[in-house]
């Protein structure tokens, strides 16, 4: 069974969040839905965090 992506708390150090996200610290920003940290800027950025994208994909419409 695959683990669902977890929200990165906004109080997390940017360097630590960047390491988790696989991007430079200056490309880390806030998810507009949950305010968690995400790879928000630069090449390969995802404005919406992985946890919110997973929740959206799992929700029945």
N, C-alpha and C. Protein backbone atom coordinates (compact mmCIF):
# COMPACT_ATOMS: atom_id res chain seq x y z
N UNK A 1 0.85 -1.19 0.00
CA UNK A 1 0.00 0.00 0.00
C UNK A 1 0.89 1.24 0.00
N UNK A 2 0.55 2.20 -0.83
CA UNK A 2 1.35 3.40 -0.99
C UNK A 2 0.94 4.46 0.04
N UNK A 3 1.94 5.13 0.64
CA UNK A 3 1.65 6.21 1.58
C UNK A 3 1.15 7.43 0.84
N UNK A 4 0.16 8.10 1.41
CA UNK A 4 -0.31 9.33 0.77
C UNK A 4 0.64 10.46 1.15
N UNK A 5 0.84 11.42 0.24
CA UNK A 5 1.75 12.54 0.53
C UNK A 5 1.28 13.31 1.76
N UNK A 6 2.25 13.78 2.52
CA UNK A 6 1.94 14.53 3.74
C UNK A 6 2.22 16.01 3.54
N UNK A 7 1.42 16.81 4.19
CA UNK A 7 1.60 18.27 4.19
C UNK A 7 2.88 18.60 4.95
N UNK A 8 3.65 19.54 4.42
CA UNK A 8 4.85 20.02 5.11
C UNK A 8 4.45 21.27 5.88
N UNK A 9 4.53 21.20 7.19
CA UNK A 9 4.12 22.29 8.06
C UNK A 9 4.86 23.57 7.70
N UNK A 10 4.15 24.71 7.67
CA UNK A 10 4.80 25.98 7.30
C UNK A 10 5.87 26.43 8.29
N UNK A 11 5.89 25.86 9.49
CA UNK A 11 6.92 26.22 10.46
C UNK A 11 8.23 25.48 10.20
N UNK A 12 8.23 24.53 9.25
CA UNK A 12 9.42 23.77 8.90
C UNK A 12 10.47 24.70 8.29
N UNK A 13 11.70 24.48 8.66
CA UNK A 13 12.82 25.24 8.10
C UNK A 13 12.83 25.09 6.58
N UNK A 14 13.02 26.16 5.86
CA UNK A 14 12.98 26.13 4.39
C UNK A 14 14.04 25.20 3.80
N UNK A 15 15.21 25.15 4.41
CA UNK A 15 16.25 24.27 3.89
C UNK A 15 15.84 22.80 4.05
N UNK A 16 15.22 22.46 5.17
CA UNK A 16 14.75 21.09 5.40
C UNK A 16 13.62 20.76 4.43
N UNK A 17 12.69 21.70 4.24
CA UNK A 17 11.58 21.49 3.30
C UNK A 17 12.11 21.32 1.88
N UNK A 18 13.09 22.12 1.52
CA UNK A 18 13.68 22.02 0.17
C UNK A 18 14.31 20.66 -0.05
N UNK A 19 14.96 20.12 0.97
CA UNK A 19 15.57 18.80 0.86
C UNK A 19 14.48 17.74 0.65
N UNK A 20 13.37 17.84 1.37
CA UNK A 20 12.26 16.90 1.20
C UNK A 20 11.64 17.02 -0.18
N UNK A 21 11.57 18.25 -0.70
CA UNK A 21 10.92 18.50 -1.98
C UNK A 21 11.86 18.33 -3.18
N UNK A 22 13.16 18.28 -2.91
CA UNK A 22 14.13 18.12 -4.00
C UNK A 22 14.32 19.37 -4.83
N UNK A 23 14.30 20.52 -4.17
CA UNK A 23 14.49 21.79 -4.88
C UNK A 23 15.31 22.73 -4.01
N UNK A 24 15.81 23.84 -4.59
CA UNK A 24 16.53 24.83 -3.79
C UNK A 24 15.60 25.54 -2.80
N UNK A 25 16.12 25.98 -1.65
CA UNK A 25 15.28 26.65 -0.65
C UNK A 25 14.55 27.89 -1.18
N UNK A 26 15.14 28.61 -2.16
CA UNK A 26 14.47 29.81 -2.67
C UNK A 26 13.29 29.49 -3.59
N UNK A 27 13.05 28.21 -3.89
CA UNK A 27 11.90 27.82 -4.70
C UNK A 27 10.76 27.26 -3.85
N UNK A 28 10.93 27.27 -2.54
CA UNK A 28 9.90 26.78 -1.62
C UNK A 28 8.93 27.92 -1.33
N UNK A 29 7.63 27.61 -1.34
CA UNK A 29 6.61 28.60 -1.03
C UNK A 29 5.39 27.92 -0.43
N UNK A 30 4.36 28.69 -0.19
CA UNK A 30 3.15 28.19 0.46
C UNK A 30 2.13 27.68 -0.55
N UNK A 31 1.50 26.56 -0.23
CA UNK A 31 0.38 26.04 -1.00
C UNK A 31 -0.81 26.95 -0.74
N UNK A 32 -1.50 27.43 -1.77
CA UNK A 32 -2.63 28.34 -1.55
C UNK A 32 -3.85 27.66 -0.91
N UNK A 33 -3.89 26.34 -0.92
CA UNK A 33 -5.04 25.64 -0.32
C UNK A 33 -4.86 25.37 1.17
N UNK A 34 -3.69 24.82 1.55
CA UNK A 34 -3.51 24.41 2.95
C UNK A 34 -2.44 25.21 3.68
N UNK A 35 -1.75 26.07 2.98
CA UNK A 35 -0.65 26.88 3.51
C UNK A 35 0.57 26.06 3.91
N UNK A 36 0.61 24.78 3.54
CA UNK A 36 1.81 23.96 3.75
C UNK A 36 2.87 24.37 2.74
N UNK A 37 4.09 23.90 2.94
CA UNK A 37 5.17 24.25 2.03
C UNK A 37 5.18 23.32 0.83
N UNK A 38 5.52 23.89 -0.32
CA UNK A 38 5.59 23.14 -1.57
C UNK A 38 6.67 23.73 -2.47
N UNK A 39 7.04 23.02 -3.51
CA UNK A 39 7.98 23.53 -4.53
C UNK A 39 7.16 24.49 -5.39
N UNK A 40 7.08 25.72 -4.99
CA UNK A 40 6.15 26.69 -5.57
C UNK A 40 6.72 27.46 -6.76
N UNK A 41 8.03 27.65 -6.80
CA UNK A 41 8.64 28.50 -7.82
C UNK A 41 9.72 27.75 -8.58
N UNK A 42 10.05 28.25 -9.78
CA UNK A 42 11.15 27.69 -10.56
C UNK A 42 10.73 26.53 -11.44
N UNK A 43 11.73 25.92 -12.05
CA UNK A 43 11.50 24.79 -12.97
C UNK A 43 10.93 23.59 -12.21
N UNK A 44 9.88 23.01 -12.73
CA UNK A 44 9.26 21.84 -12.12
C UNK A 44 8.36 22.16 -10.95
N UNK A 45 8.03 23.43 -10.76
CA UNK A 45 7.22 23.84 -9.62
C UNK A 45 5.79 23.30 -9.71
N UNK A 46 5.22 23.06 -8.55
CA UNK A 46 3.82 22.67 -8.41
C UNK A 46 3.20 23.63 -7.41
N UNK A 47 2.32 24.50 -7.86
CA UNK A 47 1.73 25.51 -6.99
C UNK A 47 0.95 24.85 -5.86
N UNK A 48 0.19 23.81 -6.18
CA UNK A 48 -0.58 23.08 -5.17
C UNK A 48 0.31 21.96 -4.63
N UNK A 49 0.37 21.79 -3.31
CA UNK A 49 1.25 20.77 -2.72
C UNK A 49 0.76 19.36 -3.04
N UNK A 50 1.66 18.41 -2.88
CA UNK A 50 1.36 17.01 -3.20
C UNK A 50 0.20 16.48 -2.35
N UNK A 51 0.12 16.89 -1.08
CA UNK A 51 -0.97 16.41 -0.22
C UNK A 51 -2.32 16.90 -0.73
N UNK A 52 -2.42 18.14 -1.14
CA UNK A 52 -3.69 18.68 -1.68
C UNK A 52 -4.02 18.04 -3.03
N UNK A 53 -3.02 17.82 -3.88
CA UNK A 53 -3.26 17.16 -5.16
C UNK A 53 -3.77 15.74 -4.95
N UNK A 54 -3.19 15.02 -3.98
CA UNK A 54 -3.62 13.65 -3.69
C UNK A 54 -5.04 13.63 -3.14
N UNK A 55 -5.35 14.58 -2.26
CA UNK A 55 -6.70 14.65 -1.70
C UNK A 55 -7.73 14.96 -2.79
N UNK A 56 -7.36 15.84 -3.72
CA UNK A 56 -8.25 16.19 -4.83
C UNK A 56 -8.47 14.98 -5.74
N UNK A 57 -7.41 14.23 -6.01
CA UNK A 57 -7.52 13.05 -6.88
C UNK A 57 -8.36 11.95 -6.23
N UNK A 58 -8.32 11.88 -4.90
CA UNK A 58 -9.04 10.82 -4.18
C UNK A 58 -10.50 11.18 -3.92
N UNK A 59 -10.85 12.45 -4.03
CA UNK A 59 -12.23 12.86 -3.71
C UNK A 59 -13.17 12.48 -4.86
N UNK A 60 -14.30 11.86 -4.51
CA UNK A 60 -15.28 11.51 -5.54
C UNK A 60 -16.05 12.76 -5.97
N UNK A 61 -16.16 12.94 -7.25
CA UNK A 61 -16.92 14.10 -7.77
C UNK A 61 -18.24 13.66 -8.36
